[in-house]
Amino acid sequence: MSDVSEISMDLLLSAHEYFEDMQSEYTRNRTEYTDKQIRDNGIAILAIEKAMPRLPRVNLIFGESGKPIKANGSCFTCGNLVQSDENTFCNKCGQRFDWETAIMLTLQRKVAEDEM
């Protein structure tokens, strides 16, 4: 992972924690906050969660050599079919994907199954 990605992920996690804490505060002291503040905070949480990469459900397509030649799958968040591992985001809900990790884990699982 590059330094920029690590910084970005750290910032996302910090922001997510901050807004989650604020949402708890809003819920505990509802009379002190407006419905708009509570709604806007919830929207911020959702936006941050969409920006945090999640693992798509992966389907690997193997060539004659037995090596994967293509990957597709579905969005973990909304279930939308994702045609290619070149899609960085879901075109339905906007969820960001971590294809590299998802493909690696899928290959490890396949190797473990083949060894059984």
N, C-alpha and C. Protein backbone atom coordinates (compact mmCIF):
# COMPACT_ATOMS: atom_id res chain seq x y z
N MET A 1 0.86 -1.17 0.00
CA MET A 1 0.00 0.00 0.00
C MET A 1 0.90 1.24 0.00
N SER A 2 0.57 2.22 -0.82
CA SER A 2 1.39 3.43 -0.89
C SER A 2 1.15 4.32 0.32
N ASP A 3 2.11 5.23 0.56
CA ASP A 3 1.98 6.16 1.68
C ASP A 3 0.72 6.99 1.58
N VAL A 4 0.38 7.43 0.34
CA VAL A 4 -0.81 8.25 0.14
C VAL A 4 -2.06 7.46 0.51
N SER A 5 -2.13 6.20 0.11
CA SER A 5 -3.29 5.37 0.44
C SER A 5 -3.42 5.17 1.93
N GLU A 6 -2.28 4.95 2.60
CA GLU A 6 -2.31 4.75 4.05
C GLU A 6 -2.79 6.01 4.76
N ILE A 7 -2.30 7.17 4.31
CA ILE A 7 -2.74 8.43 4.91
C ILE A 7 -4.23 8.61 4.67
N SER A 8 -4.67 8.37 3.46
CA SER A 8 -6.09 8.54 3.13
C SER A 8 -6.95 7.62 3.98
N MET A 9 -6.53 6.37 4.15
CA MET A 9 -7.31 5.43 4.94
C MET A 9 -7.32 5.86 6.40
N ASP A 10 -6.18 6.33 6.90
CA ASP A 10 -6.13 6.82 8.29
C ASP A 10 -7.09 7.99 8.48
N LEU A 11 -7.10 8.90 7.52
CA LEU A 11 -8.01 10.05 7.61
C LEU A 11 -9.47 9.61 7.55
N LEU A 12 -9.77 8.67 6.68
CA LEU A 12 -11.14 8.17 6.58
C LEU A 12 -11.57 7.52 7.89
N LEU A 13 -10.69 6.71 8.45
CA LEU A 13 -11.04 6.04 9.72
C LEU A 13 -11.22 7.05 10.84
N SER A 14 -10.37 8.07 10.89
CA SER A 14 -10.49 9.11 11.92
C SER A 14 -11.80 9.89 11.75
N ALA A 15 -12.09 10.25 10.51
CA ALA A 15 -13.32 11.00 10.25
C ALA A 15 -14.54 10.15 10.58
N HIS A 16 -14.50 8.87 10.24
CA HIS A 16 -15.61 7.97 10.52
C HIS A 16 -15.84 7.87 12.03
N GLU A 17 -14.75 7.71 12.77
CA GLU A 17 -14.86 7.63 14.23
C GLU A 17 -15.44 8.93 14.80
N TYR A 18 -14.98 10.07 14.28
CA TYR A 18 -15.47 11.36 14.75
C TYR A 18 -16.98 11.48 14.53
N PHE A 19 -17.44 11.17 13.32
CA PHE A 19 -18.86 11.31 13.02
C PHE A 19 -19.72 10.29 13.76
N GLU A 20 -19.18 9.09 13.98
CA GLU A 20 -19.90 8.09 14.79
C GLU A 20 -20.07 8.60 16.21
N ASP A 21 -19.01 9.20 16.77
CA ASP A 21 -19.09 9.78 18.11
C ASP A 21 -20.11 10.91 18.16
N MET A 22 -20.09 11.75 17.14
CA MET A 22 -21.05 12.86 17.08
C MET A 22 -22.49 12.33 17.00
N GLN A 23 -22.69 11.26 16.22
CA GLN A 23 -24.03 10.69 16.09
C GLN A 23 -24.51 10.16 17.44
N SER A 24 -23.62 9.56 18.20
CA SER A 24 -23.97 9.09 19.54
C SER A 24 -24.34 10.27 20.44
N GLU A 25 -23.57 11.33 20.35
CA GLU A 25 -23.84 12.54 21.13
C GLU A 25 -25.20 13.13 20.74
N TYR A 26 -25.48 13.17 19.45
CA TYR A 26 -26.77 13.69 18.97
C TYR A 26 -27.92 12.86 19.53
N THR A 27 -27.73 11.54 19.53
CA THR A 27 -28.78 10.64 20.00
C THR A 27 -29.01 10.81 21.51
N ARG A 28 -27.94 10.95 22.27
CA ARG A 28 -28.07 11.11 23.73
C ARG A 28 -28.71 12.45 24.10
N ASN A 29 -28.38 13.50 23.38
CA ASN A 29 -28.84 14.85 23.72
C ASN A 29 -29.68 15.44 22.59
N ARG A 30 -30.67 14.69 22.17
CA ARG A 30 -31.46 15.04 21.00
C ARG A 30 -32.05 16.45 21.08
N THR A 31 -32.42 16.90 22.23
CA THR A 31 -33.05 18.23 22.34
C THR A 31 -32.08 19.36 22.04
N GLU A 32 -30.77 19.11 22.15
CA GLU A 32 -29.77 20.15 21.89
C GLU A 32 -29.42 20.29 20.41
N TYR A 33 -29.84 19.34 19.58
CA TYR A 33 -29.46 19.34 18.17
C TYR A 33 -30.69 19.33 17.28
N THR A 34 -30.55 19.90 16.10
CA THR A 34 -31.67 19.93 15.15
C THR A 34 -31.70 18.62 14.37
N ASP A 35 -32.86 18.33 13.81
CA ASP A 35 -32.98 17.15 12.96
C ASP A 35 -32.02 17.24 11.78
N LYS A 36 -31.80 18.45 11.27
CA LYS A 36 -30.88 18.64 10.15
C LYS A 36 -29.45 18.28 10.54
N GLN A 37 -29.02 18.66 11.74
CA GLN A 37 -27.68 18.30 12.20
C GLN A 37 -27.53 16.78 12.29
N ILE A 38 -28.54 16.13 12.82
CA ILE A 38 -28.50 14.67 12.96
C ILE A 38 -28.49 14.01 11.58
N ARG A 39 -29.34 14.49 10.66
CA ARG A 39 -29.40 13.94 9.30
C ARG A 39 -28.08 14.17 8.56
N ASP A 40 -27.55 15.39 8.64
CA ASP A 40 -26.30 15.71 7.94
C ASP A 40 -25.14 14.87 8.46
N ASN A 41 -25.11 14.63 9.74
CA ASN A 41 -24.06 13.78 10.32
C ASN A 41 -24.19 12.35 9.79
N GLY A 42 -25.41 11.85 9.70
CA GLY A 42 -25.64 10.51 9.16
C GLY A 42 -25.20 10.40 7.71
N ILE A 43 -25.44 11.46 6.93
CA ILE A 43 -25.01 11.47 5.53
C ILE A 43 -23.48 11.45 5.45
N ALA A 44 -22.82 12.20 6.33
CA ALA A 44 -21.35 12.20 6.36
C ALA A 44 -20.81 10.80 6.65
N ILE A 45 -21.43 10.09 7.58
CA ILE A 45 -21.01 8.73 7.92
C ILE A 45 -21.14 7.82 6.70
N LEU A 46 -22.28 7.90 6.02
CA LEU A 46 -22.50 7.06 4.83
C LEU A 46 -21.48 7.36 3.74
N ALA A 47 -21.19 8.65 3.51
CA ALA A 47 -20.22 9.03 2.49
C ALA A 47 -18.83 8.49 2.81
N ILE A 48 -18.44 8.58 4.06
CA ILE A 48 -17.13 8.06 4.47
C ILE A 48 -17.09 6.54 4.28
N GLU A 49 -18.16 5.86 4.65
CA GLU A 49 -18.19 4.40 4.51
C GLU A 49 -18.10 3.98 3.05
N LYS A 50 -18.69 4.75 2.13
CA LYS A 50 -18.61 4.44 0.70
C LYS A 50 -17.19 4.64 0.18
N ALA A 51 -16.46 5.59 0.76
CA ALA A 51 -15.10 5.87 0.32
C ALA A 51 -14.09 4.85 0.84
N MET A 52 -14.46 4.14 1.91
CA MET A 52 -13.57 3.13 2.47
C MET A 52 -13.69 1.86 1.63
N PRO A 53 -12.57 1.37 1.07
CA PRO A 53 -12.66 0.20 0.19
C PRO A 53 -13.17 -1.04 0.90
N ARG A 54 -14.09 -1.73 0.23
CA ARG A 54 -14.61 -3.00 0.75
C ARG A 54 -14.30 -4.09 -0.27
N LEU A 55 -14.33 -5.30 0.19
CA LEU A 55 -14.04 -6.42 -0.70
C LEU A 55 -15.29 -6.80 -1.48
N PRO A 56 -15.21 -6.77 -2.81
CA PRO A 56 -16.35 -7.27 -3.59
C PRO A 56 -16.38 -8.80 -3.50
N ARG A 57 -17.53 -9.37 -3.77
CA ARG A 57 -17.61 -10.83 -3.89
C ARG A 57 -17.01 -11.16 -5.25
N VAL A 58 -16.01 -11.99 -5.28
CA VAL A 58 -15.22 -12.20 -6.49
C VAL A 58 -15.56 -13.51 -7.18
N ASN A 59 -15.63 -13.44 -8.51
CA ASN A 59 -15.75 -14.61 -9.37
C ASN A 59 -14.55 -14.55 -10.31
N LEU A 60 -13.63 -15.52 -10.19
CA LEU A 60 -12.45 -15.55 -11.06
C LEU A 60 -12.72 -16.40 -12.28
N ILE A 61 -12.25 -15.94 -13.42
CA ILE A 61 -12.36 -16.68 -14.67
C ILE A 61 -10.95 -17.15 -15.02
N PHE A 62 -10.80 -18.46 -15.16
CA PHE A 62 -9.48 -19.05 -15.38
C PHE A 62 -9.28 -19.38 -16.85
N GLY A 63 -8.04 -19.21 -17.30
CA GLY A 63 -7.68 -19.57 -18.67
C GLY A 63 -7.30 -21.04 -18.74
N GLU A 64 -6.90 -21.47 -19.94
CA GLU A 64 -6.53 -22.87 -20.14
C GLU A 64 -5.34 -23.27 -19.28
N SER A 65 -4.48 -22.31 -18.96
CA SER A 65 -3.29 -22.60 -18.15
C SER A 65 -3.64 -22.82 -16.68
N GLY A 66 -4.86 -22.51 -16.31
CA GLY A 66 -5.28 -22.64 -14.92
C GLY A 66 -5.06 -21.38 -14.11
N LYS A 67 -4.55 -20.35 -14.77
CA LYS A 67 -4.32 -19.07 -14.09
C LYS A 67 -5.51 -18.15 -14.34
N PRO A 68 -5.82 -17.29 -13.36
CA PRO A 68 -6.94 -16.37 -13.55
C PRO A 68 -6.62 -15.35 -14.64
N ILE A 69 -7.58 -15.14 -15.53
CA ILE A 69 -7.37 -14.16 -16.60
C ILE A 69 -8.29 -12.95 -16.45
N LYS A 70 -9.32 -13.10 -15.64
CA LYS A 70 -10.28 -12.01 -15.48
C LYS A 70 -11.02 -12.21 -14.16
N ALA A 71 -11.47 -11.11 -13.59
CA ALA A 71 -12.28 -11.20 -12.38
C ALA A 71 -13.49 -10.30 -12.53
N ASN A 72 -14.60 -10.78 -12.05
CA ASN A 72 -15.80 -9.95 -11.92
C ASN A 72 -16.44 -10.35 -10.60
N GLY A 73 -17.57 -9.78 -10.31
CA GLY A 73 -18.21 -10.14 -9.05
C GLY A 73 -19.39 -9.27 -8.75
N SER A 74 -19.65 -9.09 -7.46
CA SER A 74 -20.77 -8.25 -7.06
C SER A 74 -20.37 -7.38 -5.88
N CYS A 75 -21.06 -6.28 -5.77
CA CYS A 75 -20.80 -5.31 -4.70
C CYS A 75 -21.29 -5.89 -3.37
N PHE A 76 -20.42 -5.84 -2.37
CA PHE A 76 -20.76 -6.34 -1.04
C PHE A 76 -21.89 -5.52 -0.42
N THR A 77 -21.93 -4.22 -0.73
CA THR A 77 -22.89 -3.31 -0.11
C THR A 77 -24.29 -3.46 -0.68
N CYS A 78 -24.41 -3.45 -2.02
CA CYS A 78 -25.75 -3.44 -2.63
C CYS A 78 -26.07 -4.67 -3.46
N GLY A 79 -25.06 -5.53 -3.72
CA GLY A 79 -25.28 -6.74 -4.50
C GLY A 79 -25.24 -6.54 -6.00
N ASN A 80 -24.99 -5.32 -6.47
CA ASN A 80 -24.93 -5.02 -7.89
C ASN A 80 -23.83 -5.83 -8.57
N LEU A 81 -24.12 -6.37 -9.77
CA LEU A 81 -23.14 -7.10 -10.55
C LEU A 81 -22.08 -6.13 -11.06
N VAL A 82 -20.82 -6.48 -10.84
CA VAL A 82 -19.70 -5.66 -11.30
C VAL A 82 -19.00 -6.46 -12.39
N GLN A 83 -18.99 -5.91 -13.60
CA GLN A 83 -18.52 -6.65 -14.77
C GLN A 83 -17.02 -6.88 -14.83
N SER A 84 -16.24 -6.03 -14.16
CA SER A 84 -14.79 -6.14 -14.31
C SER A 84 -14.08 -5.66 -13.06
N ASP A 85 -12.92 -6.25 -12.80
CA ASP A 85 -12.11 -5.81 -11.68
C ASP A 85 -11.44 -4.46 -11.97
N GLU A 86 -11.68 -3.90 -13.14
CA GLU A 86 -11.19 -2.55 -13.45
C GLU A 86 -12.11 -1.47 -12.89
N ASN A 87 -13.31 -1.86 -12.45
CA ASN A 87 -14.23 -0.90 -11.84
C ASN A 87 -13.79 -0.65 -10.40
N THR A 88 -13.37 0.55 -10.12
CA THR A 88 -12.90 0.91 -8.79
C THR A 88 -14.06 1.14 -7.83
N PHE A 89 -15.20 1.56 -8.39
CA PHE A 89 -16.39 1.87 -7.59
C PHE A 89 -17.60 1.16 -8.18
N CYS A 90 -18.59 0.86 -7.34
CA CYS A 90 -19.86 0.30 -7.79
C CYS A 90 -20.62 1.39 -8.54
N ASN A 91 -21.12 1.05 -9.72
CA ASN A 91 -21.86 2.06 -10.49
C ASN A 91 -23.30 2.24 -10.01
N LYS A 92 -23.71 1.45 -9.02
CA LYS A 92 -25.05 1.61 -8.47
C LYS A 92 -25.04 2.40 -7.16
N CYS A 93 -24.19 1.98 -6.20
CA CYS A 93 -24.22 2.63 -4.88
C CYS A 93 -22.99 3.48 -4.58
N GLY A 94 -21.94 3.38 -5.39
CA GLY A 94 -20.75 4.19 -5.20
C GLY A 94 -19.72 3.61 -4.25
N GLN A 95 -19.94 2.37 -3.78
CA GLN A 95 -18.98 1.75 -2.86
C GLN A 95 -17.63 1.57 -3.55
N ARG A 96 -16.57 1.93 -2.85
CA ARG A 96 -15.21 1.75 -3.36
C ARG A 96 -14.78 0.30 -3.12
N PHE A 97 -14.04 -0.29 -4.09
CA PHE A 97 -13.63 -1.69 -4.00
C PHE A 97 -12.14 -1.84 -3.74
N ASP A 98 -11.79 -2.93 -3.08
CA ASP A 98 -10.40 -3.36 -2.92
C ASP A 98 -10.28 -4.70 -3.63
N TRP A 99 -10.12 -4.62 -4.95
CA TRP A 99 -10.04 -5.84 -5.76
C TRP A 99 -8.80 -6.66 -5.45
N GLU A 100 -7.67 -5.99 -5.25
CA GLU A 100 -6.41 -6.69 -5.04
C GLU A 100 -6.51 -7.68 -3.87
N THR A 101 -7.00 -7.20 -2.75
CA THR A 101 -7.14 -8.06 -1.57
C THR A 101 -8.19 -9.14 -1.81
N ALA A 102 -9.30 -8.77 -2.43
CA ALA A 102 -10.39 -9.73 -2.68
C ALA A 102 -9.92 -10.86 -3.59
N ILE A 103 -9.17 -10.52 -4.64
CA ILE A 103 -8.68 -11.55 -5.56
C ILE A 103 -7.66 -12.44 -4.86
N MET A 104 -6.76 -11.84 -4.09
CA MET A 104 -5.75 -12.61 -3.36
C MET A 104 -6.41 -13.62 -2.41
N LEU A 105 -7.41 -13.16 -1.64
CA LEU A 105 -8.10 -14.05 -0.71
C LEU A 105 -8.85 -15.15 -1.44
N THR A 106 -9.45 -14.83 -2.58
CA THR A 106 -10.17 -15.83 -3.37
C THR A 106 -9.21 -16.89 -3.89
N LEU A 107 -8.03 -16.46 -4.37
CA LEU A 107 -7.03 -17.42 -4.84
C LEU A 107 -6.53 -18.31 -3.70
N GLN A 108 -6.30 -17.72 -2.53
CA GLN A 108 -5.86 -18.51 -1.38
C GLN A 108 -6.91 -19.55 -1.01
N ARG A 109 -8.17 -19.15 -1.04
CA ARG A 109 -9.25 -20.08 -0.72
C ARG A 109 -9.31 -21.21 -1.75
N LYS A 110 -9.12 -20.88 -3.02
CA LYS A 110 -9.15 -21.90 -4.08
C LYS A 110 -8.00 -22.89 -3.90
N VAL A 111 -6.80 -22.40 -3.59
CA VAL A 111 -5.64 -23.27 -3.37
C VAL A 111 -5.91 -24.20 -2.18
N ALA A 112 -6.47 -23.65 -1.10
CA ALA A 112 -6.78 -24.47 0.08
C ALA A 112 -7.81 -25.55 -0.27
N GLU A 113 -8.81 -25.21 -1.07
CA GLU A 113 -9.83 -26.20 -1.47
C GLU A 113 -9.23 -27.27 -2.35
N ASP A 114 -8.32 -26.86 -3.25
CA ASP A 114 -7.69 -27.83 -4.16
C ASP A 114 -6.79 -28.80 -3.42
N GLU A 115 -6.24 -28.36 -2.29
CA GLU A 115 -5.35 -29.22 -1.51
C GLU A 115 -6.11 -30.23 -0.67
N MET A 116 -7.38 -30.05 -0.49
CA MET A 116 -8.18 -30.95 0.34
C MET A 116 -8.42 -32.27 -0.35
